[in-house]
Amino acid sequence: MTMPPAPPSLVGCGILHKEIRHLCACNDWPLETTFLDPGLDTNMTRLGRQLTDTLARQHDRSPIVFYGCCHPLIDRMVADAGTFRTEGRNCIEMLLGRERFDRELADGAYFLLEDWARRWDRVMAEMFGPHQEIAAEIFAGDRTHILAVRTPCSSDFTAAAEHAAASVALPLRWTDAGLDHLERVLAKALDRLSGAP
């Protein structure tokens, strides 16, 4: 008796894990997901090691890699694993679409998703250590505001977003994002995985 083929798999950043699982349920995609800690983006060594190790454990699955250009060697790591990554420079672009992402970025936005807001102090401590005053200087160098992005899967993270913005002395703005762009990114990756034209 032959075993049925394993369902397709995805390995990626956990920053949009709720949104991806929601889309899998809505579309009835039998996609097995493995999400890595979103905080890895601040440590290239840890990100590279954990992504490489996770892909090696799934070498027989050729998983979709849900990452943007979050590591300077990510395309080499993905190619060495014999697979591919989703299209997009980063998770925010995959969520908002390129045009909206570029427009908001040019307007001075620093994008803040719920997960990032809720772990803000930990991430800032990892990045700046005891020199938290440097964070405000860096953010003020090229960002004009924090843009908190709500999705249909977000819970209320107002307090966390307000705290994050206050900690770097930038005004807080809000925007809502649907899941249409993210859905197209995932659908295209699934089509590529299945060999669909």
Protein backbone atom coordinates (compact mmCIF):
# COMPACT_ATOMS: atom_id res chain seq x y z
CA MET A 1 0.00 0.00 0.00
CA THR A 2 1.47 3.34 -1.03
CA MET A 3 1.30 6.35 1.23
CA PRO A 4 -0.51 9.42 -0.09
CA PRO A 5 1.81 12.30 -0.98
CA ALA A 6 2.53 14.74 1.80
CA PRO A 7 0.72 18.06 1.52
CA PRO A 8 2.71 21.08 0.41
CA SER A 9 4.61 22.87 3.13
CA LEU A 10 5.64 26.41 3.93
CA VAL A 11 8.51 27.61 6.08
CA GLY A 12 8.59 31.27 6.90
CA CYS A 13 8.58 34.26 9.15
CA GLY A 14 5.87 34.08 11.78
CA ILE A 15 4.99 37.78 11.62
CA LEU A 16 1.88 36.98 9.52
CA HIS A 17 1.18 33.48 10.85
CA LYS A 18 -2.45 34.26 11.76
CA GLU A 19 -3.12 35.75 8.34
CA ILE A 20 -1.53 32.84 6.48
CA ARG A 21 -3.42 30.24 8.52
CA HIS A 22 -6.64 32.19 7.96
CA LEU A 23 -6.10 32.19 4.19
CA CYS A 24 -5.28 28.47 4.21
CA ALA A 25 -8.57 27.78 5.99
CA CYS A 26 -10.61 30.07 3.73
CA ASN A 27 -9.14 28.59 0.54
CA ASP A 28 -9.01 25.01 1.80
CA TRP A 29 -5.28 24.91 1.07
CA PRO A 30 -3.75 21.80 2.67
CA LEU A 31 -0.58 23.70 3.47
CA GLU A 32 1.52 22.58 6.41
CA THR A 33 3.20 25.58 8.00
CA THR A 34 6.35 26.03 10.05
CA PHE A 35 6.86 29.56 11.32
CA LEU A 36 10.12 30.94 12.67
CA ASP A 37 10.39 33.67 15.30
CA PRO A 38 9.81 37.09 13.66
CA GLY A 39 12.51 38.53 15.92
CA LEU A 40 15.16 36.62 13.95
CA ASP A 41 15.19 39.46 11.43
CA THR A 42 17.33 41.45 13.86
CA ASN A 43 20.04 38.78 14.04
CA MET A 44 21.36 37.61 10.68
CA THR A 45 23.43 34.78 12.16
CA ARG A 46 20.47 33.25 14.03
CA LEU A 47 18.11 33.77 11.09
CA GLY A 48 20.50 32.10 8.66
CA ARG A 49 21.16 29.17 10.97
CA GLN A 50 17.52 28.52 11.88
CA LEU A 51 16.24 28.88 8.33
CA THR A 52 18.96 26.61 6.95
CA ASP A 53 18.36 24.00 9.66
CA THR A 54 14.58 24.07 9.16
CA LEU A 55 14.90 23.70 5.39
CA ALA A 56 17.36 20.83 5.84
CA ARG A 57 14.84 18.99 8.01
CA GLN A 58 12.27 19.34 5.22
CA HIS A 59 14.63 18.56 2.34
CA ASP A 60 12.22 15.96 0.94
CA ARG A 61 9.33 18.45 0.88
CA SER A 62 10.81 21.44 -1.03
CA PRO A 63 8.78 23.86 1.10
CA ILE A 64 7.71 27.30 -0.04
CA VAL A 65 9.86 29.83 1.81
CA PHE A 66 7.80 32.77 3.07
CA TYR A 67 10.49 35.40 3.46
CA GLY A 68 11.46 38.58 1.70
CA CYS A 69 15.02 39.82 1.36
CA CYS A 70 15.51 39.48 5.11
CA HIS A 71 19.02 38.03 4.93
CA PRO A 72 21.79 38.93 2.45
CA LEU A 73 22.26 35.25 1.55
CA ILE A 74 18.62 34.17 1.60
CA ASP A 75 18.42 33.40 -2.12
CA ARG A 76 21.51 31.20 -1.87
CA MET A 77 20.11 29.38 1.18
CA VAL A 78 16.80 28.80 -0.58
CA ALA A 79 18.50 27.62 -3.79
CA ASP A 80 20.80 25.28 -1.82
CA ALA A 81 17.64 23.76 -0.29
CA GLY A 82 16.27 23.16 -3.80
CA THR A 83 13.23 25.35 -3.38
CA PHE A 84 12.06 28.97 -3.83
CA ARG A 85 10.70 31.87 -1.82
CA THR A 86 7.58 33.96 -2.19
CA GLU A 87 7.75 37.09 -4.31
CA GLY A 88 8.27 40.32 -2.41
CA ARG A 89 10.98 42.33 -0.71
CA ASN A 90 9.48 41.82 2.74
CA CYS A 91 6.34 40.70 4.54
CA ILE A 92 4.80 44.16 4.57
CA GLU A 93 5.09 44.43 0.79
CA MET A 94 3.50 40.99 0.45
CA LEU A 95 0.64 42.17 2.66
CA LEU A 96 0.06 45.65 1.24
CA GLY A 97 1.19 45.22 -2.35
CA ARG A 98 4.21 46.94 -3.88
CA GLU A 99 2.57 50.24 -4.84
CA ARG A 100 1.01 50.89 -1.45
CA PHE A 101 4.14 49.75 0.37
CA ASP A 102 6.35 52.07 -1.69
CA ARG A 103 3.96 54.99 -1.23
CA GLU A 104 3.81 54.59 2.55
CA LEU A 105 7.57 54.06 2.78
CA ALA A 106 8.24 57.22 0.75
CA ASP A 107 5.91 59.08 3.12
CA GLY A 108 8.23 58.16 6.01
CA ALA A 109 6.42 55.19 7.54
CA TYR A 110 8.00 52.63 9.83
CA PHE A 111 5.61 49.68 9.56
CA LEU A 112 4.40 48.04 12.75
CA LEU A 113 2.43 44.79 12.80
CA GLU A 114 0.75 43.40 15.90
CA ASP A 115 3.36 40.77 16.69
CA TRP A 116 6.18 43.29 16.35
CA ALA A 117 4.36 45.78 18.58
CA ARG A 118 3.76 43.20 21.31
CA ARG A 119 7.45 42.22 21.47
CA TRP A 120 8.78 45.73 20.93
CA ASP A 121 10.77 46.07 24.16
CA ARG A 122 12.44 42.70 23.69
CA VAL A 123 13.39 43.46 20.09
CA MET A 124 14.71 46.92 20.98
CA ALA A 125 16.76 45.44 23.82
CA GLU A 126 18.28 42.88 21.46
CA MET A 127 19.12 45.55 18.89
CA PHE A 128 20.33 48.39 21.11
CA GLY A 129 21.12 46.83 24.47
CA PRO A 130 21.48 49.44 27.21
CA HIS A 131 21.64 52.27 24.66
CA GLN A 132 17.91 52.71 24.04
CA GLU A 133 18.32 56.46 23.46
CA ILE A 134 20.09 55.62 20.19
CA ALA A 135 16.90 54.00 18.87
CA ALA A 136 15.02 57.30 18.79
CA GLU A 137 17.90 58.98 16.95
CA ILE A 138 18.03 56.22 14.34
CA PHE A 139 14.28 56.20 13.77
CA ALA A 140 14.17 60.00 13.51
CA GLY A 141 16.94 59.86 10.92
CA ASP A 142 14.70 58.71 8.09
CA ARG A 143 11.24 57.88 9.48
CA THR A 144 8.51 60.44 10.19
CA HIS A 145 5.94 58.21 11.90
CA ILE A 146 5.07 54.71 13.03
CA LEU A 147 2.38 53.15 10.82
CA ALA A 148 0.51 50.44 12.71
CA VAL A 149 -1.05 47.99 10.26
CA ARG A 150 -4.25 46.18 11.24
CA THR A 151 -5.43 43.12 9.34
CA PRO A 152 -8.71 41.19 9.63
CA CYS A 153 -6.81 38.81 11.94
CA SER A 154 -5.46 41.47 14.31
CA SER A 155 -6.62 41.81 17.87
CA ASP A 156 -6.56 45.19 19.59
CA PHE A 157 -2.90 46.16 19.95
CA THR A 158 -3.47 49.89 20.50
CA ALA A 159 -1.59 50.05 23.80
CA ALA A 160 1.41 48.16 22.43
CA ALA A 161 1.56 50.35 19.31
CA GLU A 162 1.30 53.54 21.35
CA HIS A 163 4.11 52.34 23.59
CA ALA A 164 6.32 51.51 20.60
CA ALA A 165 5.78 54.91 18.99
CA ALA A 166 6.38 56.76 22.25
CA SER A 167 9.62 54.85 22.87
CA VAL A 168 11.14 56.27 19.66
CA ALA A 169 9.36 59.64 19.92
CA LEU A 170 7.46 59.32 16.64
CA PRO A 171 3.76 59.96 16.00
CA LEU A 172 1.55 56.92 15.56
CA ARG A 173 -0.75 56.46 12.59
CA TRP A 174 -3.03 53.54 11.75
CA THR A 175 -4.00 51.81 8.54
CA ASP A 176 -6.11 48.78 7.70
CA ALA A 177 -4.94 46.10 5.29
CA GLY A 178 -7.00 43.38 3.67
CA LEU A 179 -5.53 40.02 2.74
CA ASP A 180 -5.98 40.17 -1.03
CA HIS A 181 -2.33 40.83 -1.87
CA LEU A 182 -1.08 38.22 0.57
CA GLU A 183 -3.56 35.72 -0.84
CA ARG A 184 -2.25 36.32 -4.37
CA VAL A 185 1.35 35.89 -3.23
CA LEU A 186 0.54 32.55 -1.60
CA ALA A 187 -1.64 31.35 -4.49
CA LYS A 188 1.15 32.12 -6.96
CA ALA A 189 3.66 30.22 -4.83
CA LEU A 190 1.33 27.22 -4.57
CA ASP A 191 0.82 27.26 -8.34
CA ARG A 192 4.59 27.32 -8.86
CA LEU A 193 5.04 24.46 -6.42
CA SER A 194 2.47 22.36 -8.26
CA GLY A 195 3.93 23.22 -11.65
CA ALA A 196 0.84 25.10 -12.81
CA PRO A 197 1.46 27.51 -15.71
